[in-house]
Amino acid sequence: MATSIRSDRDEHAALLEIAMLIAREAPAETVFEAVSEAAARRLGSDSGAVLRYVGDERAVVVGVWREGGRGLPVNAELDFDRRNSSAGRVRSTGRPARADSYEGQHGELPVLMRAIDVRSSVAAPVTVAGEVWGAVAVTSSRAEPLPAGSESRITDLAELAASAVAHEQALSRLEASRRRLVEEADEARRRLERELHEGTQQHLLALTLKLRMARSRADPDSEIAALLDDALAEAMIANEALRELARGLYPIVLSERGLAAALQAVAARAPVAVHLRELPRRRFPPVAEATAYFVVAGAILTAPDGIDSIAVAVADRGELLLVEVGHDRIGEAEPRLRGIVERVAAVGGRVHVDRNSVLRAEVPLATVAGGL
C-alpha cells in the first residue's frame, strides 16, 4: 500500500512538473523530453518518446528519453505499417494501442525495433484540435510484453503533450500575426513615403521654381521682392521638413540600397558623432532591415543631450542580425525605448539594455512559421 501511495505521489509530481514547464513556456523539446521520461518511468521501462506523425505511415521523433541501451535520437524518422506497431495502430484508430512483439513481422519498423532490442511497445495518441498529431510511446526490451493496460496509463501524459503542442502553435500564430502587422505597417510607411516624394514634394519643388522665376522678374528693391524672398525661404524650410518626415516614415535609401547605406545616411545626419563599427554586406528580408534600421535610428533619436559619441554595430549572424548601439548614458534613454522593444518583439526578437553602455537587439531573419 505504501509503495502504491508513493507511486501515485511520484506520478502526480511528474504531471505537475510538466504542467509547470508548459505554463512557463518552456521549449516544446523540453516538454517532450519530460513527457517521454515520465511515461517510461511510470511503466517501469527504460525508454520513452514523443512522435509526430508525418502523413499516414511516417513519424518523426520529437522528444526522447532513455536510460542506457540503444535507441532513436530526436529527429529520427520512422516508417511504419499501420497494422503492426503501436504507433501505427494509434495513427489508424486515434486510440491507445500496443504491440506485444515484433518477432516474425516484416517491414522497416519491426526490423528497426529488433535491431535496437525493442520487444514490445505501447502508445497513446497526442490529439490536437481533433486531429491525431502524434503519439507518446514507451518501448521495452524485456522478454515479456508490457503489462496489460499500460497504454491507457500514459494517456494523461499524451494530453499534456497535446497541451504543449497547442500552446506552441498558438504562440506561433500570435507571432506570425504580430509580424504581419509590422510588415503591413512598413508597407503603409513605404507607400506614404513614395506618395510624399512623388506627389507633395514634387508640387512643392514646382512651387519653389515658380517663386524663383517670379523673384527674378521682380524689382530687387521692391516690397514684392521681399515677400517673394520670404516665401522662398518658407518653401525651402517646408521642403526640408517634408524630406525629414519622409525619411522618418521609411527612408527610400533603405528600400533601394539596403541597411548599410541607410545606416550610413543616419550617421551622417545625426546631431552627435556616430561611429559605425560594423555593417552587414548583404540584403535581408525587408521587415528585418526595417527593424534593425529603426532600432539604430530610434536609439540615436532618444540619446540624452551632452553625450560625446554613439557607437553602432550591426553584425550578420546568419540566422539573425545583432544590433548594438552604445553610449555612456544608454540607461537614461531606456524608458523612451519602449517602441523599439515592442517592434523587435513583434518580429520574434529581443532587446537587452545594459544600463552602463549598450543596447543589444537580436532581429531574426527567418520568417515565423505556423506552429509545430
Protein backbone atom coordinates (compact mmCIF):
# COMPACT_ATOMS: atom_id res chain seq x y z
CA MET A 1 0.00 0.00 0.00
CA ALA A 2 2.83 2.40 0.91
CA THR A 3 4.51 1.66 -2.43
CA SER A 4 1.28 2.44 -4.26
CA ILE A 5 0.85 5.75 -2.43
CA ARG A 6 4.45 6.71 -3.15
CA SER A 7 3.97 5.80 -6.81
CA ASP A 8 0.83 7.94 -7.04
CA ARG A 9 2.68 10.86 -5.49
CA ASP A 10 5.57 10.45 -7.91
CA GLU A 11 3.19 10.37 -10.86
CA HIS A 12 1.35 13.45 -9.62
CA ALA A 13 4.66 15.28 -9.09
CA ALA A 14 5.76 14.41 -12.64
CA LEU A 15 2.47 15.68 -14.08
CA LEU A 16 2.76 18.90 -12.09
CA GLU A 17 6.35 19.42 -13.24
CA ILE A 18 5.35 19.04 -16.89
CA ALA A 19 2.36 21.35 -16.44
CA MET A 20 4.69 23.97 -14.94
CA LEU A 21 7.04 23.65 -17.91
CA ILE A 22 4.13 24.37 -20.24
CA ALA A 23 2.96 27.30 -18.09
CA ARG A 24 6.47 28.78 -18.14
CA GLU A 25 6.51 28.46 -21.94
CA ALA A 26 9.47 26.10 -21.95
CA PRO A 27 10.58 24.97 -25.42
CA ALA A 28 8.48 22.12 -26.81
CA GLU A 29 11.54 19.84 -26.95
CA THR A 30 11.99 20.25 -23.19
CA VAL A 31 8.36 19.37 -22.53
CA PHE A 32 8.52 16.36 -24.86
CA GLU A 33 11.63 15.03 -23.13
CA ALA A 34 9.93 15.37 -19.74
CA VAL A 35 6.82 13.58 -21.05
CA SER A 36 8.98 10.79 -22.50
CA GLU A 37 10.79 10.28 -19.20
CA ALA A 38 7.60 10.37 -17.12
CA ALA A 39 5.91 7.82 -19.40
CA ALA A 40 8.87 5.44 -19.31
CA ARG A 41 9.31 5.69 -15.55
CA ARG A 42 5.60 5.21 -14.92
CA LEU A 43 5.66 1.89 -16.77
CA GLY A 44 8.99 0.81 -15.32
CA SER A 45 10.68 0.91 -18.73
CA ASP A 46 13.96 2.39 -19.85
CA SER A 47 12.80 4.27 -22.97
CA GLY A 48 10.03 6.68 -23.90
CA ALA A 49 9.42 9.03 -26.80
CA VAL A 50 7.06 11.56 -28.31
CA LEU A 51 6.38 11.08 -32.01
CA ARG A 52 4.90 13.46 -34.54
CA TYR A 53 3.07 11.90 -37.48
CA VAL A 54 4.07 12.97 -40.96
CA GLY A 55 1.42 11.51 -43.21
CA ASP A 56 -0.23 8.15 -42.53
CA GLU A 57 2.82 5.88 -42.38
CA ARG A 58 5.69 8.00 -41.15
CA ALA A 59 6.58 9.65 -37.85
CA VAL A 60 9.39 11.86 -36.56
CA VAL A 61 10.85 11.57 -33.07
CA VAL A 62 10.41 15.00 -31.44
CA GLY A 63 11.25 14.01 -27.86
CA VAL A 64 13.06 11.06 -26.31
CA TRP A 65 14.33 9.74 -23.01
CA ARG A 66 16.15 6.52 -22.32
CA GLU A 67 18.25 5.04 -19.57
CA GLY A 68 21.05 3.05 -21.13
CA GLY A 69 20.86 0.82 -24.18
CA ARG A 70 20.27 1.76 -27.76
CA GLY A 71 17.51 3.98 -29.07
CA LEU A 72 16.44 6.53 -31.62
CA PRO A 73 17.57 10.16 -31.44
CA VAL A 74 15.42 13.25 -31.79
CA ASN A 75 14.58 13.98 -35.47
CA ALA A 76 14.89 10.31 -36.43
CA GLU A 77 12.19 9.28 -38.92
CA LEU A 78 10.20 6.07 -38.74
CA ASP A 79 8.24 4.36 -41.49
CA PHE A 80 5.55 2.06 -40.13
CA ASP A 81 2.74 -0.18 -41.27
CA ARG A 82 -0.48 1.00 -39.66
CA ARG A 83 -1.23 -2.55 -38.50
CA ASN A 84 1.97 -3.91 -37.00
CA SER A 85 3.09 -1.33 -34.43
CA SER A 86 1.62 0.59 -31.52
CA ALA A 87 2.34 3.90 -33.26
CA GLY A 88 0.70 2.68 -36.46
CA ARG A 89 -2.41 1.49 -34.66
CA VAL A 90 -2.71 4.79 -32.81
CA ARG A 91 -2.50 6.56 -36.16
CA SER A 92 -5.24 4.32 -37.58
CA THR A 93 -7.65 4.36 -34.65
CA GLY A 94 -6.90 7.51 -32.66
CA ARG A 95 -6.92 5.34 -29.51
CA PRO A 96 -4.22 3.89 -27.21
CA ALA A 97 -2.60 0.79 -28.69
CA ARG A 98 0.09 -1.79 -28.04
CA ALA A 99 2.41 -4.16 -29.89
CA ASP A 100 3.35 -7.18 -27.78
CA SER A 101 6.01 -8.48 -30.16
CA TYR A 102 7.89 -7.53 -33.31
CA GLU A 103 9.12 -11.06 -33.97
CA GLY A 104 8.20 -12.50 -37.34
CA GLN A 105 6.89 -9.19 -38.66
CA HIS A 106 8.09 -7.61 -41.86
CA GLY A 107 8.70 -4.01 -42.79
CA GLU A 108 11.11 -1.25 -41.80
CA LEU A 109 9.81 -0.59 -38.30
CA PRO A 110 9.80 -4.21 -36.99
CA VAL A 111 13.33 -4.67 -38.34
CA LEU A 112 14.45 -1.44 -36.67
CA MET A 113 12.78 -2.37 -33.37
CA ARG A 114 14.52 -5.74 -33.32
CA ALA A 115 17.83 -4.07 -34.20
CA ILE A 116 17.66 -1.82 -31.14
CA ASP A 117 16.40 -4.67 -28.94
CA VAL A 118 12.81 -3.47 -28.56
CA ARG A 119 10.49 -6.39 -27.81
CA SER A 120 7.18 -4.59 -27.17
CA SER A 121 5.68 -1.11 -27.08
CA VAL A 122 2.61 0.86 -26.11
CA ALA A 123 1.44 4.25 -27.35
CA ALA A 124 -1.25 6.85 -26.64
CA PRO A 125 -2.48 9.49 -29.09
CA VAL A 126 -1.50 13.15 -28.89
CA THR A 127 -4.66 14.79 -30.22
CA VAL A 128 -4.65 18.48 -31.13
CA ALA A 129 -7.75 20.28 -32.40
CA GLY A 130 -9.47 16.96 -33.01
CA GLU A 131 -6.62 15.54 -35.13
CA VAL A 132 -4.13 12.84 -34.16
CA TRP A 133 -0.95 14.93 -34.20
CA GLY A 134 1.34 12.27 -32.79
CA ALA A 135 1.82 9.75 -30.00
CA VAL A 136 3.56 9.18 -26.70
CA ALA A 137 5.28 5.79 -26.90
CA VAL A 138 7.04 3.56 -24.37
CA THR A 139 9.19 0.64 -25.50
CA SER A 140 10.54 -2.34 -23.58
CA SER A 141 13.44 -4.71 -24.18
CA ARG A 142 12.15 -7.32 -21.74
CA ALA A 143 11.09 -10.73 -22.98
CA GLU A 144 7.58 -10.34 -21.62
CA PRO A 145 5.28 -7.65 -23.04
CA LEU A 146 4.47 -4.51 -21.10
CA PRO A 147 1.64 -5.18 -18.62
CA ALA A 148 -1.96 -5.14 -19.79
CA GLY A 149 -3.48 -1.67 -19.68
CA SER A 150 -0.11 0.09 -19.91
CA GLU A 151 -1.23 2.02 -22.98
CA SER A 152 -4.11 3.57 -21.01
CA ARG A 153 -1.81 4.59 -18.15
CA ILE A 154 0.02 7.15 -20.29
CA THR A 155 -2.98 8.92 -21.81
CA ASP A 156 -2.77 11.81 -19.32
CA LEU A 157 0.84 12.36 -20.36
CA ALA A 158 -0.24 12.35 -24.01
CA GLU A 159 -2.81 15.01 -23.11
CA LEU A 160 -0.07 17.16 -21.58
CA ALA A 161 2.00 16.75 -24.75
CA ALA A 162 -1.06 17.86 -26.73
CA SER A 163 -1.38 20.93 -24.50
CA ALA A 164 2.26 21.80 -25.18
CA VAL A 165 1.72 21.46 -28.93
CA ALA A 166 -1.46 23.55 -28.85
CA HIS A 167 0.26 26.22 -26.77
CA GLU A 168 3.25 26.33 -29.11
CA GLN A 169 1.01 26.58 -32.14
CA ALA A 170 -0.97 29.41 -30.55
CA LEU A 171 2.24 31.30 -29.78
CA SER A 172 3.46 30.76 -33.34
CA ARG A 173 0.19 32.06 -34.75
CA LEU A 174 0.39 35.09 -32.46
CA GLU A 175 3.99 35.79 -33.50
CA ALA A 176 3.09 35.39 -37.17
CA SER A 177 0.15 37.76 -36.72
CA ARG A 178 2.32 40.37 -34.99
CA ARG A 179 4.94 40.06 -37.71
CA ARG A 180 2.31 40.52 -40.41
CA LEU A 181 1.10 43.68 -38.68
CA VAL A 182 4.66 45.04 -38.65
CA GLU A 183 5.10 44.16 -42.33
CA GLU A 184 1.79 45.79 -43.23
CA ALA A 185 2.72 48.91 -41.26
CA ASP A 186 6.08 49.07 -43.04
CA GLU A 187 4.38 48.73 -46.40
CA ALA A 188 2.00 51.56 -45.48
CA ARG A 189 5.01 53.67 -44.50
CA ARG A 190 6.69 52.90 -47.83
CA ARG A 191 3.56 53.86 -49.77
CA LEU A 192 3.18 57.12 -47.86
CA GLU A 193 6.87 57.92 -48.36
CA ARG A 194 6.50 57.35 -52.11
CA GLU A 195 3.37 59.48 -52.24
CA LEU A 196 5.14 62.29 -50.40
CA HIS A 197 8.21 62.02 -52.61
CA GLU A 198 6.41 61.68 -55.93
CA GLY A 199 3.46 63.92 -55.12
CA THR A 200 3.70 66.56 -52.41
CA GLN A 201 7.46 67.10 -52.64
CA GLN A 202 7.28 67.48 -56.42
CA HIS A 203 4.47 70.02 -56.11
CA LEU A 204 6.47 71.93 -53.53
CA LEU A 205 9.54 71.84 -55.77
CA ALA A 206 7.48 73.19 -58.69
CA LEU A 207 6.15 75.96 -56.46
CA THR A 208 9.69 76.85 -55.40
CA LEU A 209 10.79 77.10 -59.03
CA LYS A 210 7.86 79.40 -59.83
CA LEU A 211 8.72 81.59 -56.86
CA ARG A 212 12.32 81.80 -58.03
CA MET A 213 11.14 82.78 -61.51
CA ALA A 214 8.83 85.43 -60.08
CA ARG A 215 11.65 86.73 -57.86
CA SER A 216 13.98 87.04 -60.83
CA ARG A 217 11.43 89.28 -62.57
CA ALA A 218 10.64 91.48 -59.58
CA ASP A 219 12.33 94.80 -58.84
CA PRO A 220 15.15 93.84 -56.42
CA ASP A 221 14.29 96.66 -54.02
CA SER A 222 10.53 96.28 -54.17
CA GLU A 223 8.17 95.08 -51.47
CA ILE A 224 7.14 92.23 -53.81
CA ALA A 225 10.75 91.02 -53.97
CA ALA A 226 10.96 90.94 -50.16
CA LEU A 227 7.71 88.98 -49.94
CA LEU A 228 8.97 86.52 -52.57
CA ASP A 229 12.22 86.10 -50.63
CA ASP A 230 10.24 85.23 -47.52
CA ALA A 231 8.04 82.84 -49.48
CA LEU A 232 11.10 81.11 -50.95
CA ALA A 233 12.67 80.73 -47.50
CA GLU A 234 9.44 79.24 -46.12
CA ALA A 235 9.16 76.88 -49.09
CA MET A 236 12.71 75.65 -48.54
CA ILE A 237 12.02 75.07 -44.84
CA ALA A 238 8.81 73.22 -45.67
CA ASN A 239 10.61 71.10 -48.26
CA GLU A 240 13.32 70.10 -45.78
CA ALA A 241 10.71 69.32 -43.11
CA LEU A 242 8.81 67.19 -45.61
CA ARG A 243 12.01 65.38 -46.58
CA GLU A 244 12.73 64.63 -42.92
CA LEU A 245 9.17 63.40 -42.45
CA ALA A 246 9.51 61.07 -45.44
CA ARG A 247 12.83 59.71 -44.14
CA GLY A 248 11.25 59.11 -40.73
CA LEU A 249 8.38 57.19 -42.28
CA TYR A 250 10.54 54.87 -44.34
CA PRO A 251 13.83 56.03 -45.88
CA ILE A 252 13.95 55.42 -49.61
CA VAL A 253 17.64 54.54 -49.37
CA LEU A 254 16.70 51.54 -47.19
CA SER A 255 14.45 50.15 -49.94
CA GLU A 256 16.80 50.93 -52.81
CA ARG A 257 20.28 50.32 -51.38
CA GLY A 258 19.84 48.34 -48.20
CA LEU A 259 20.58 48.52 -44.50
CA ALA A 260 24.25 49.52 -44.61
CA ALA A 261 23.61 52.52 -46.84
CA ALA A 262 20.60 53.60 -44.77
CA LEU A 263 22.63 53.48 -41.54
CA GLN A 264 25.42 55.49 -43.14
CA ALA A 265 22.83 58.13 -44.04
CA VAL A 266 21.50 58.15 -40.45
CA ALA A 267 25.02 58.58 -39.09
CA ALA A 268 25.71 61.47 -41.46
CA ARG A 269 22.59 63.36 -40.33
CA ALA A 270 22.86 62.62 -36.61
CA PRO A 271 23.37 65.60 -34.25
CA VAL A 272 26.15 63.69 -32.48
CA ALA A 273 29.18 61.79 -33.81
CA VAL A 274 28.16 58.25 -34.77
CA HIS A 275 30.90 55.64 -35.24
CA LEU A 276 29.80 52.76 -37.47
CA ARG A 277 31.99 49.91 -36.25
CA GLU A 278 30.39 47.11 -38.26
CA LEU A 279 27.83 46.99 -41.07
CA PRO A 280 26.36 44.00 -42.94
CA ARG A 281 27.38 43.33 -46.54
CA ARG A 282 24.21 41.77 -47.94
CA ARG A 283 20.49 42.39 -48.19
CA PHE A 284 17.95 40.90 -45.80
CA PRO A 285 14.17 40.45 -45.68
CA PRO A 286 12.52 43.91 -45.68
CA VAL A 287 11.00 43.53 -42.21
CA ALA A 288 14.40 42.62 -40.71
CA GLU A 289 16.16 45.53 -42.45
CA ALA A 290 13.50 47.98 -41.34
CA THR A 291 13.54 46.70 -37.76
CA ALA A 292 17.34 46.97 -37.48
CA TYR A 293 17.22 50.44 -39.05
CA PHE A 294 14.57 51.74 -36.65
CA VAL A 295 16.47 50.29 -33.67
CA VAL A 296 19.53 52.34 -34.59
CA ALA A 297 17.61 55.46 -35.62
CA GLY A 298 15.43 55.31 -32.50
CA ALA A 299 18.38 54.84 -30.17
CA ILE A 300 20.13 57.83 -31.74
CA LEU A 301 16.97 59.96 -31.58
CA THR A 302 16.39 59.20 -27.89
CA ALA A 303 20.02 59.72 -26.82
CA PRO A 304 20.31 62.25 -23.97
CA ASP A 305 21.84 65.66 -24.66
CA GLY A 306 25.50 66.09 -23.91
CA ILE A 307 26.92 62.70 -24.95
CA ASP A 308 30.12 62.80 -26.98
CA SER A 309 29.54 59.96 -29.43
CA ILE A 310 27.49 56.87 -30.24
CA ALA A 311 28.93 53.54 -31.39
CA VAL A 312 26.87 51.38 -33.76
CA ALA A 313 27.49 47.81 -34.91
CA VAL A 314 25.16 45.63 -36.96
CA ALA A 315 26.53 42.10 -37.32
CA ASP A 316 25.22 39.40 -39.65
CA ARG A 317 24.97 36.23 -37.55
CA GLY A 318 23.42 34.06 -40.25
CA GLU A 319 20.04 33.48 -38.61
CA LEU A 320 19.78 36.92 -37.02
CA LEU A 321 21.06 40.48 -37.07
CA LEU A 322 22.80 41.53 -33.86
CA VAL A 323 22.34 45.28 -33.47
CA GLU A 324 24.38 47.15 -30.85
CA VAL A 325 24.10 50.84 -30.06
CA GLY A 326 26.30 52.16 -27.30
CA HIS A 327 26.99 55.34 -25.38
CA ASP A 328 27.79 56.03 -21.74
CA ARG A 329 24.23 57.09 -20.80
CA ILE A 330 22.17 54.44 -22.56
CA GLY A 331 20.38 53.57 -19.33
CA GLU A 332 18.86 57.06 -19.15
CA ALA A 333 17.19 56.52 -22.52
CA GLU A 334 15.66 53.15 -21.64
CA PRO A 335 12.18 54.49 -20.74
CA ARG A 336 11.98 56.06 -24.21
CA LEU A 337 12.94 52.86 -26.00
CA ARG A 338 9.64 51.03 -25.46
CA GLY A 339 8.64 51.37 -29.11
CA ILE A 340 11.92 49.75 -30.20
CA VAL A 341 11.49 46.88 -27.73
CA GLU A 342 7.91 46.24 -28.87
CA ARG A 343 8.83 46.30 -32.57
CA VAL A 344 11.70 43.83 -32.11
CA ALA A 345 9.47 41.55 -30.02
CA ALA A 346 6.79 41.68 -32.72
CA VAL A 347 9.17 40.08 -35.24
CA GLY A 348 10.29 37.39 -32.78
CA GLY A 349 13.42 39.12 -31.48
CA ARG A 350 14.51 40.55 -28.16
CA VAL A 351 16.23 43.62 -26.74
CA HIS A 352 18.58 43.93 -23.78
CA VAL A 353 19.72 47.26 -22.39
CA ASP A 354 22.95 47.31 -20.42
CA ARG A 355 22.37 50.29 -18.17
CA ASN A 356 26.03 51.22 -18.38
CA SER A 357 26.75 51.26 -22.06
CA VAL A 358 24.99 49.15 -24.71
CA LEU A 359 21.59 48.40 -26.22
CA ARG A 360 21.59 44.99 -27.91
CA ALA A 361 18.81 43.81 -30.19
CA GLU A 362 18.54 40.40 -31.82
CA VAL A 363 16.48 40.60 -35.02
CA PRO A 364 15.65 37.17 -36.52
CA LEU A 365 15.94 36.76 -40.27
CA ALA A 366 13.73 33.70 -40.68
CA THR A 367 10.02 34.20 -41.21
CA VAL A 368 7.98 32.98 -38.26
CA ALA A 369 6.47 29.63 -39.14
CA GLY A 370 2.99 28.50 -38.27
CA GLY A 371 3.32 26.08 -35.37
CA LEU A 372 4.75 22.61 -34.75
